[in-house]
Structures are given as structure tokens and as C-alpha cells.
C-alpha atoms as a PDB file:
ATOM      1  CA  MET A   1      95.210 107.782 181.348  1.00  0.00           C
ATOM      2  CA  LYS A   2      94.827 111.314 179.198  1.00  0.00           C
ATOM      3  CA  ARG A   3      97.049 114.265 178.835  1.00  0.00           C
ATOM      4  CA  LYS A   4      95.864 117.903 177.578  1.00  0.00           C
ATOM      5  CA  LYS A   5      98.254 120.491 177.542  1.00  0.00           C
ATOM      6  CA  TYR A   6      97.025 124.080 179.192  1.00  0.00           C
ATOM      7  CA  VAL A   7      98.153 127.329 179.180  1.00  0.00           C
ATOM      8  CA  TYR A   8      98.022 128.753 182.681  1.00  0.00           C
ATOM      9  CA  TRP A   9      98.535 132.311 184.207  1.00  0.00           C
ATOM     10  CA  GLN A  10      98.077 133.673 187.631  1.00  0.00           C
ATOM     11  CA  ASP A  11      96.986 137.296 187.765  1.00  0.00           C
ATOM     12  CA  GLY A  12      96.468 139.217 191.328  1.00  0.00           C
ATOM     13  CA  ASN A  13      94.992 136.225 193.630  1.00  0.00           C
ATOM     14  CA  MET A  14      93.320 133.814 190.637  1.00  0.00           C
ATOM     15  CA  TRP A  15      94.291 131.214 188.482  1.00  0.00           C
ATOM     16  CA  LEU A  16      93.363 131.375 184.547  1.00  0.00           C
ATOM     17  CA  GLY A  17      93.941 128.948 181.715  1.00  0.00           C
ATOM     18  CA  TYR A  18      92.722 127.110 179.027  1.00  0.00           C
ATOM     19  CA  LEU A  19      93.043 123.858 177.223  1.00  0.00           C
ATOM     20  CA  GLU A  20      95.356 123.964 174.586  1.00  0.00           C
ATOM     21  CA  GLU A  21      93.419 122.551 171.927  1.00  0.00           C
ATOM     22  CA  TYR A  22      90.241 124.756 173.087  1.00  0.00           C
ATOM     23  CA  PRO A  23      91.941 128.680 173.422  1.00  0.00           C
ATOM     24  CA  ASP A  24      88.406 130.145 173.295  1.00  0.00           C
ATOM     25  CA  TYR A  25      86.995 128.329 176.640  1.00  0.00           C
ATOM     26  CA  ARG A  26      89.090 130.117 179.397  1.00  0.00           C
ATOM     27  CA  THR A  27      88.654 129.196 183.247  1.00  0.00           C
ATOM     28  CA  GLN A  28      90.243 130.583 186.348  1.00  0.00           C
ATOM     29  CA  GLY A  29      90.325 129.230 190.326  1.00  0.00           C
ATOM     30  CA  GLU A  30      91.466 130.266 193.443  1.00  0.00           C
ATOM     31  CA  SER A  31      94.354 128.068 193.684  1.00  0.00           C
ATOM     32  CA  LEU A  32      96.136 126.188 190.689  1.00  0.00           C
ATOM     33  CA  GLU A  33      94.252 122.464 192.028  1.00  0.00           C
ATOM     34  CA  GLU A  34      90.528 124.833 191.641  1.00  0.00           C
ATOM     35  CA  LEU A  35      91.780 124.959 188.140  1.00  0.00           C
ATOM     36  CA  LYS A  36      93.085 122.518 186.918  1.00  0.00           C
ATOM     37  CA  GLU A  37      89.573 120.820 188.219  1.00  0.00           C
ATOM     38  CA  ASN A  38      87.825 123.283 186.192  1.00  0.00           C
ATOM     39  CA  LEU A  39      89.949 122.135 183.448  1.00  0.00           C
ATOM     40  CA  LYS A  40      88.894 118.985 183.419  1.00  0.00           C
ATOM     41  CA  ASP A  41      85.249 119.631 183.655  1.00  0.00           C
ATOM     42  CA  ILE A  42      85.522 121.901 180.196  1.00  0.00           C
ATOM     43  CA  TYR A  43      86.820 119.241 178.814  1.00  0.00           C
ATOM     44  CA  LYS A  44      84.349 117.174 179.912  1.00  0.00           C
ATOM     45  CA  GLU A  45      81.983 119.493 178.997  1.00  0.00           C
ATOM     46  CA  LEU A  46      83.273 120.178 175.038  1.00  0.00           C
ATOM     47  CA  THR A  47      83.577 116.816 174.489  1.00  0.00           C
ATOM     48  CA  SER A  48      80.174 115.652 175.876  1.00  0.00           C
ATOM     49  CA  GLY A  49      78.763 117.348 172.880  1.00  0.00           C
ATOM     50  CA  SER A  50      76.753 119.189 174.546  1.00  0.00           C
ATOM     51  CA  VAL A  51      78.245 122.496 173.621  1.00  0.00           C
ATOM     52  CA  PRO A  52      77.207 123.251 169.828  1.00  0.00           C
ATOM     53  CA  CYS A  53      79.627 124.808 167.269  1.00  0.00           C
ATOM     54  CA  VAL A  54      82.670 124.048 169.880  1.00  0.00           C
ATOM     55  CA  ARG A  55      86.276 125.339 168.036  1.00  0.00           C
ATOM     56  CA  LYS A  56      89.089 123.632 168.205  1.00  0.00           C
ATOM     57  CA  VAL A  57      93.135 123.962 167.240  1.00  0.00           C
ATOM     58  CA  ALA A  58      94.387 121.690 164.928  1.00  0.00           C
ATOM     59  CA  GLU A  59      98.047 120.823 162.919  1.00  0.00           C
ATOM     60  CA  LEU A  60      98.257 120.969 159.324  1.00  0.00           C
ATOM     61  CA  GLU A  61     100.980 119.135 157.842  1.00  0.00           C
ATOM     62  CA  LEU A  62     102.439 121.415 155.125  1.00  0.00           C
ATOM     63  CA  ALA A  63     104.581 120.242 152.512  1.00  0.00           C
END
């Protein structure tokens, strides 16, 4: 099972968030569980190749 980190917060009655690796692609849900399901859907779309020019965050090791 893969694990992905995500950032989330509550704004009023809605939960908002994004996958840490893909900060440009945010989603929301009326509950935390709905937000998690929406994040899973976004991950599937972003990794399927159906979304052009997907921007990601990576880590660079410097000496």
C-alpha cells in the first residue's frame, strides 16, 4: 500500500487540502473522509497521464 503525505485544514464547514507532492492541485470535502477520497481521486488522475503538464515538488540534495 502506498502512502502519500497531504496538507489539510478546515475553513468554515469545508475541509480543504492537497497532496504534498502536488501542491498546485487542491480539493475539498464536506468531511475529512470526503476530502481524503477526493485526494485519492486527484492522485489517480495526476499519475494516469491524462492531465498534461503536471507540476510536482521534489527534493534536491546539495553538497
